[in-house]
Amino acid sequence: MSVPSYRLAVESDVLALAEMRWAWRTSEDGARAAVSREGYLDECAAFMRQGLAEGSWVFWVAEVEGQIVSHIFIRRVRKVPKPDRLHDEIGYVTNVYTRPAYRGQGIGSALLERVVQWARDRELDVLFVWPSEQAVPFYERAGFRAENDILECQIRPDE
């Protein structure tokens, strides 16, 4: 196997990322699509392009031989200014996925390490994620801890 490369996604990556998400969410999760594949890809790609243009979303990717094999999305959220820190952000980590053929090789872990370093370099206040029980050790190895008391109000039940 070739050595993976890691980088921030650019606009030309959004269609590949949208296609990966479609494949993941319609096959592995067993979800039924409420829209056509083409409709989904158009909407998802537009969403990602807008997030990139605004700087509100950052997409990290791992590539092997020019193909994206893993990705992590980070929603940047600016916090309300405080007297001691006028500009502060938190990062919501989501859409963490590695293609099945590339799992167990450390690619996702290496990608997450880069995300954590990127957040440190930008002095984000915190990164947070709502992981599945199965994914908790993956995040703990990267330094995530269940230390904060986050309360949530479920508005729409899981389907």
C-alpha atoms as a PDB file:
ATOM      1  CA  MET A   1       0.000   0.000   0.000  1.00  0.00           C
ATOM      2  CA  SER A   2       1.151   3.523  -0.749  1.00  0.00           C
ATOM      3  CA  VAL A   3       1.878   5.913   2.064  1.00  0.00           C
ATOM      4  CA  PRO A   4      -1.196   8.048   2.845  1.00  0.00           C
ATOM      5  CA  SER A   5      -1.042  11.809   2.545  1.00  0.00           C
ATOM      6  CA  TYR A   6      -3.066  14.151   4.731  1.00  0.00           C
ATOM      7  CA  ARG A   7      -4.373  17.588   3.886  1.00  0.00           C
ATOM      8  CA  LEU A   8      -7.174  20.080   4.114  1.00  0.00           C
ATOM      9  CA  ALA A   9      -9.817  19.558   1.461  1.00  0.00           C
ATOM     10  CA  VAL A  10     -10.365  22.144  -1.250  1.00  0.00           C
ATOM     11  CA  GLU A  11     -13.360  22.959  -3.400  1.00  0.00           C
ATOM     12  CA  SER A  12     -12.415  20.413  -6.043  1.00  0.00           C
ATOM     13  CA  ASP A  13     -12.777  17.669  -3.367  1.00  0.00           C
ATOM     14  CA  VAL A  14     -16.382  18.367  -2.409  1.00  0.00           C
ATOM     15  CA  LEU A  15     -18.038  16.075  -4.939  1.00  0.00           C
ATOM     16  CA  ALA A  16     -15.828  13.136  -3.908  1.00  0.00           C
ATOM     17  CA  LEU A  17     -16.618  13.870  -0.252  1.00  0.00           C
ATOM     18  CA  ALA A  18     -20.346  14.066  -0.986  1.00  0.00           C
ATOM     19  CA  GLU A  19     -20.170  10.763  -2.871  1.00  0.00           C
ATOM     20  CA  MET A  20     -18.357   9.103   0.051  1.00  0.00           C
ATOM     21  CA  ARG A  21     -21.007  10.351   2.462  1.00  0.00           C
ATOM     22  CA  TRP A  22     -23.815   9.106   0.199  1.00  0.00           C
ATOM     23  CA  ALA A  23     -22.234   5.659  -0.058  1.00  0.00           C
ATOM     24  CA  TRP A  24     -21.574   5.504   3.692  1.00  0.00           C
ATOM     25  CA  ARG A  25     -24.997   6.679   4.813  1.00  0.00           C
ATOM     26  CA  THR A  26     -27.005   4.640   2.328  1.00  0.00           C
ATOM     27  CA  SER A  27     -25.115   1.354   2.569  1.00  0.00           C
ATOM     28  CA  GLU A  28     -23.435   0.885   5.932  1.00  0.00           C
ATOM     29  CA  ASP A  29     -26.128   2.543   8.031  1.00  0.00           C
ATOM     30  CA  GLY A  30     -28.908   0.856   6.081  1.00  0.00           C
ATOM     31  CA  ALA A  31     -30.658   4.212   5.783  1.00  0.00           C
ATOM     32  CA  ARG A  32     -33.237   4.766   3.112  1.00  0.00           C
ATOM     33  CA  ALA A  33     -32.637   7.858   1.041  1.00  0.00           C
ATOM     34  CA  ALA A  34     -35.387  10.477   1.057  1.00  0.00           C
ATOM     35  CA  VAL A  35     -33.932  12.112  -2.046  1.00  0.00           C
ATOM     36  CA  SER A  36     -32.308  10.970  -5.256  1.00  0.00           C
ATOM     37  CA  ARG A  37     -28.567  10.389  -5.342  1.00  0.00           C
ATOM     38  CA  GLU A  38     -28.137  13.290  -7.758  1.00  0.00           C
ATOM     39  CA  GLY A  39     -30.262  15.600  -5.602  1.00  0.00           C
ATOM     40  CA  TYR A  40     -28.270  14.647  -2.539  1.00  0.00           C
ATOM     41  CA  LEU A  41     -24.904  15.139  -4.232  1.00  0.00           C
ATOM     42  CA  ASP A  42     -25.943  18.582  -5.502  1.00  0.00           C
ATOM     43  CA  GLU A  43     -27.156  19.700  -2.067  1.00  0.00           C
ATOM     44  CA  CYS A  44     -24.261  18.218  -0.115  1.00  0.00           C
ATOM     45  CA  ALA A  45     -21.647  19.656  -2.494  1.00  0.00           C
ATOM     46  CA  ALA A  46     -23.309  23.094  -2.312  1.00  0.00           C
ATOM     47  CA  PHE A  47     -23.315  22.855   1.508  1.00  0.00           C
ATOM     48  CA  MET A  48     -19.609  22.009   1.561  1.00  0.00           C
ATOM     49  CA  ARG A  49     -18.665  24.710  -0.938  1.00  0.00           C
ATOM     50  CA  GLN A  50     -20.503  27.305   1.137  1.00  0.00           C
ATOM     51  CA  GLY A  51     -18.822  26.105   4.337  1.00  0.00           C
ATOM     52  CA  LEU A  52     -15.405  26.303   2.719  1.00  0.00           C
ATOM     53  CA  ALA A  53     -16.085  29.766   1.288  1.00  0.00           C
ATOM     54  CA  GLU A  54     -17.295  31.097   4.653  1.00  0.00           C
ATOM     55  CA  GLY A  55     -14.580  29.329   6.623  1.00  0.00           C
ATOM     56  CA  SER A  56     -17.228  27.826   8.890  1.00  0.00           C
ATOM     57  CA  TRP A  57     -16.336  24.263   7.898  1.00  0.00           C
ATOM     58  CA  VAL A  58     -12.963  22.570   7.527  1.00  0.00           C
ATOM     59  CA  PHE A  59     -12.655  19.186   5.876  1.00  0.00           C
ATOM     60  CA  TRP A  60      -9.557  17.055   6.458  1.00  0.00           C
ATOM     61  CA  VAL A  61      -8.815  14.168   4.134  1.00  0.00           C
ATOM     62  CA  ALA A  62      -6.422  11.260   3.852  1.00  0.00           C
ATOM     63  CA  GLU A  63      -5.490  10.137   0.361  1.00  0.00           C
ATOM     64  CA  VAL A  64      -3.926   6.993  -0.995  1.00  0.00           C
ATOM     65  CA  GLU A  65      -2.804   7.095  -4.609  1.00  0.00           C
ATOM     66  CA  GLY A  66      -4.896  10.198  -5.242  1.00  0.00           C
ATOM     67  CA  GLN A  67      -8.112   8.742  -3.816  1.00  0.00           C
ATOM     68  CA  ILE A  68      -9.715  10.116  -0.647  1.00  0.00           C
ATOM     69  CA  VAL A  69      -9.951   7.171   1.742  1.00  0.00           C
ATOM     70  CA  SER A  70     -10.765   8.925   5.013  1.00  0.00           C
ATOM     71  CA  HIS A  71     -12.210  12.242   6.113  1.00  0.00           C
ATOM     72  CA  ILE A  72     -13.056  14.316   9.163  1.00  0.00           C
ATOM     73  CA  PHE A  73     -15.287  17.394   9.085  1.00  0.00           C
ATOM     74  CA  ILE A  74     -14.954  20.202  11.637  1.00  0.00           C
ATOM     75  CA  ARG A  75     -17.588  22.889  12.138  1.00  0.00           C
ATOM     76  CA  ARG A  76     -15.929  26.020  13.465  1.00  0.00           C
ATOM     77  CA  VAL A  77     -18.165  27.880  15.909  1.00  0.00           C
ATOM     78  CA  ARG A  78     -17.198  31.300  17.176  1.00  0.00           C
ATOM     79  CA  LYS A  79     -17.865  31.810  20.854  1.00  0.00           C
ATOM     80  CA  VAL A  80     -19.409  34.950  22.271  1.00  0.00           C
ATOM     81  CA  PRO A  81     -16.579  37.418  23.037  1.00  0.00           C
ATOM     82  CA  LYS A  82     -15.306  37.540  26.618  1.00  0.00           C
ATOM     83  CA  PRO A  83     -13.329  40.382  28.179  1.00  0.00           C
ATOM     84  CA  ASP A  84     -10.226  38.174  28.358  1.00  0.00           C
ATOM     85  CA  ARG A  85     -10.562  36.657  24.871  1.00  0.00           C
ATOM     86  CA  LEU A  86     -12.460  38.481  22.167  1.00  0.00           C
ATOM     87  CA  HIS A  87     -12.025  35.854  19.461  1.00  0.00           C
ATOM     88  CA  ASP A  88     -12.414  32.239  20.470  1.00  0.00           C
ATOM     89  CA  GLU A  89     -13.737  29.163  18.697  1.00  0.00           C
ATOM     90  CA  ILE A  90     -14.792  25.639  19.403  1.00  0.00           C
ATOM     91  CA  GLY A  91     -14.734  22.809  16.895  1.00  0.00           C
ATOM     92  CA  TYR A  92     -17.478  20.257  16.375  1.00  0.00           C
ATOM     93  CA  VAL A  93     -15.966  17.071  14.922  1.00  0.00           C
ATOM     94  CA  THR A  94     -18.344  15.087  12.733  1.00  0.00           C
ATOM     95  CA  ASN A  95     -18.589  12.873   9.664  1.00  0.00           C
ATOM     96  CA  VAL A  96     -15.501  10.876  10.622  1.00  0.00           C
ATOM     97  CA  TYR A  97     -15.202   8.036   8.147  1.00  0.00           C
ATOM     98  CA  THR A  98     -12.617   5.703   6.675  1.00  0.00           C
ATOM     99  CA  ARG A  99     -13.417   3.437   3.749  1.00  0.00           C
ATOM    100  CA  PRO A 100     -13.697  -0.167   4.982  1.00  0.00           C
ATOM    101  CA  ALA A 101     -10.724  -1.407   2.908  1.00  0.00           C
ATOM    102  CA  TYR A 102      -8.456   1.129   4.670  1.00  0.00           C
ATOM    103  CA  ARG A 103      -9.553   0.577   8.272  1.00  0.00           C
ATOM    104  CA  GLY A 104      -7.197  -0.846  10.864  1.00  0.00           C
ATOM    105  CA  GLN A 105      -4.139   0.690   9.214  1.00  0.00           C
ATOM    106  CA  GLY A 106      -3.851   3.804  11.393  1.00  0.00           C
ATOM    107  CA  ILE A 107      -5.035   6.180   8.670  1.00  0.00           C
ATOM    108  CA  GLY A 108      -8.033   7.505  10.620  1.00  0.00           C
ATOM    109  CA  SER A 109      -5.931   7.891  13.770  1.00  0.00           C
ATOM    110  CA  ALA A 110      -3.220   9.777  11.897  1.00  0.00           C
ATOM    111  CA  LEU A 111      -5.863  12.016  10.342  1.00  0.00           C
ATOM    112  CA  LEU A 112      -7.422  12.742  13.741  1.00  0.00           C
ATOM    113  CA  GLU A 113      -3.961  13.587  15.142  1.00  0.00           C
ATOM    114  CA  ARG A 114      -3.618  16.205  12.404  1.00  0.00           C
ATOM    115  CA  VAL A 115      -7.040  17.620  13.229  1.00  0.00           C
ATOM    116  CA  VAL A 116      -6.090  17.953  16.902  1.00  0.00           C
ATOM    117  CA  GLN A 117      -2.796  19.651  15.977  1.00  0.00           C
ATOM    118  CA  TRP A 118      -4.632  21.979  13.562  1.00  0.00           C
ATOM    119  CA  ALA A 119      -6.973  22.964  16.426  1.00  0.00           C
ATOM    120  CA  ARG A 120      -4.018  23.567  18.758  1.00  0.00           C
ATOM    121  CA  ASP A 121      -2.269  25.685  16.145  1.00  0.00           C
ATOM    122  CA  ARG A 122      -5.404  27.853  15.883  1.00  0.00           C
ATOM    123  CA  GLU A 123      -5.893  27.903  19.655  1.00  0.00           C
ATOM    124  CA  LEU A 124      -9.429  26.559  19.520  1.00  0.00           C
ATOM    125  CA  ASP A 125     -10.933  26.315  22.975  1.00  0.00           C
ATOM    126  CA  VAL A 126     -12.126  22.740  22.571  1.00  0.00           C
ATOM    127  CA  LEU A 127     -12.944  20.041  20.044  1.00  0.00           C
ATOM    128  CA  PHE A 128     -16.036  17.996  20.776  1.00  0.00           C
ATOM    129  CA  VAL A 129     -17.681  14.969  19.229  1.00  0.00           C
ATOM    130  CA  TRP A 130     -20.683  12.754  19.878  1.00  0.00           C
ATOM    131  CA  PRO A 131     -19.115   9.353  19.220  1.00  0.00           C
ATOM    132  CA  SER A 132     -20.760   5.978  19.086  1.00  0.00           C
ATOM    133  CA  GLU A 133     -19.823   3.703  21.978  1.00  0.00           C
ATOM    134  CA  GLN A 134     -17.652   1.718  19.576  1.00  0.00           C
ATOM    135  CA  ALA A 135     -15.700   4.849  18.567  1.00  0.00           C
ATOM    136  CA  VAL A 136     -14.917   6.122  22.095  1.00  0.00           C
ATOM    137  CA  PRO A 137     -11.475   4.401  22.296  1.00  0.00           C
ATOM    138  CA  PHE A 138     -10.530   5.897  18.906  1.00  0.00           C
ATOM    139  CA  TYR A 139     -11.147   9.408  20.238  1.00  0.00           C
ATOM    140  CA  GLU A 140      -9.610   8.715  23.640  1.00  0.00           C
ATOM    141  CA  ARG A 141      -6.340   7.670  21.967  1.00  0.00           C
ATOM    142  CA  ALA A 142      -6.259  11.148  20.382  1.00  0.00           C
ATOM    143  CA  GLY A 143      -6.727  12.901  23.741  1.00  0.00           C
ATOM    144  CA  PHE A 144     -10.513  13.309  23.900  1.00  0.00           C
ATOM    145  CA  ARG A 145     -11.978  12.858  27.381  1.00  0.00           C
ATOM    146  CA  ALA A 146     -15.473  12.793  28.845  1.00  0.00           C
ATOM    147  CA  GLU A 147     -14.713  15.587  31.313  1.00  0.00           C
ATOM    148  CA  ASN A 148     -17.321  18.201  30.503  1.00  0.00           C
ATOM    149  CA  ASP A 149     -20.914  17.962  31.566  1.00  0.00           C
ATOM    150  CA  ILE A 150     -22.697  18.581  28.311  1.00  0.00           C
ATOM    151  CA  LEU A 151     -26.430  18.417  28.518  1.00  0.00           C
ATOM    152  CA  GLU A 152     -28.481  17.886  25.437  1.00  0.00           C
ATOM    153  CA  CYS A 153     -32.115  18.326  24.618  1.00  0.00           C
ATOM    154  CA  GLN A 154     -33.160  15.849  21.949  1.00  0.00           C
ATOM    155  CA  ILE A 155     -35.502  17.776  19.659  1.00  0.00           C
ATOM    156  CA  ARG A 156     -36.038  15.142  16.990  1.00  0.00           C
ATOM    157  CA  PRO A 157     -35.919  11.484  17.997  1.00  0.00           C
ATOM    158  CA  ASP A 158     -33.346   9.274  16.319  1.00  0.00           C
ATOM    159  CA  GLU A 159     -34.820   7.523  13.359  1.00  0.00           C
END
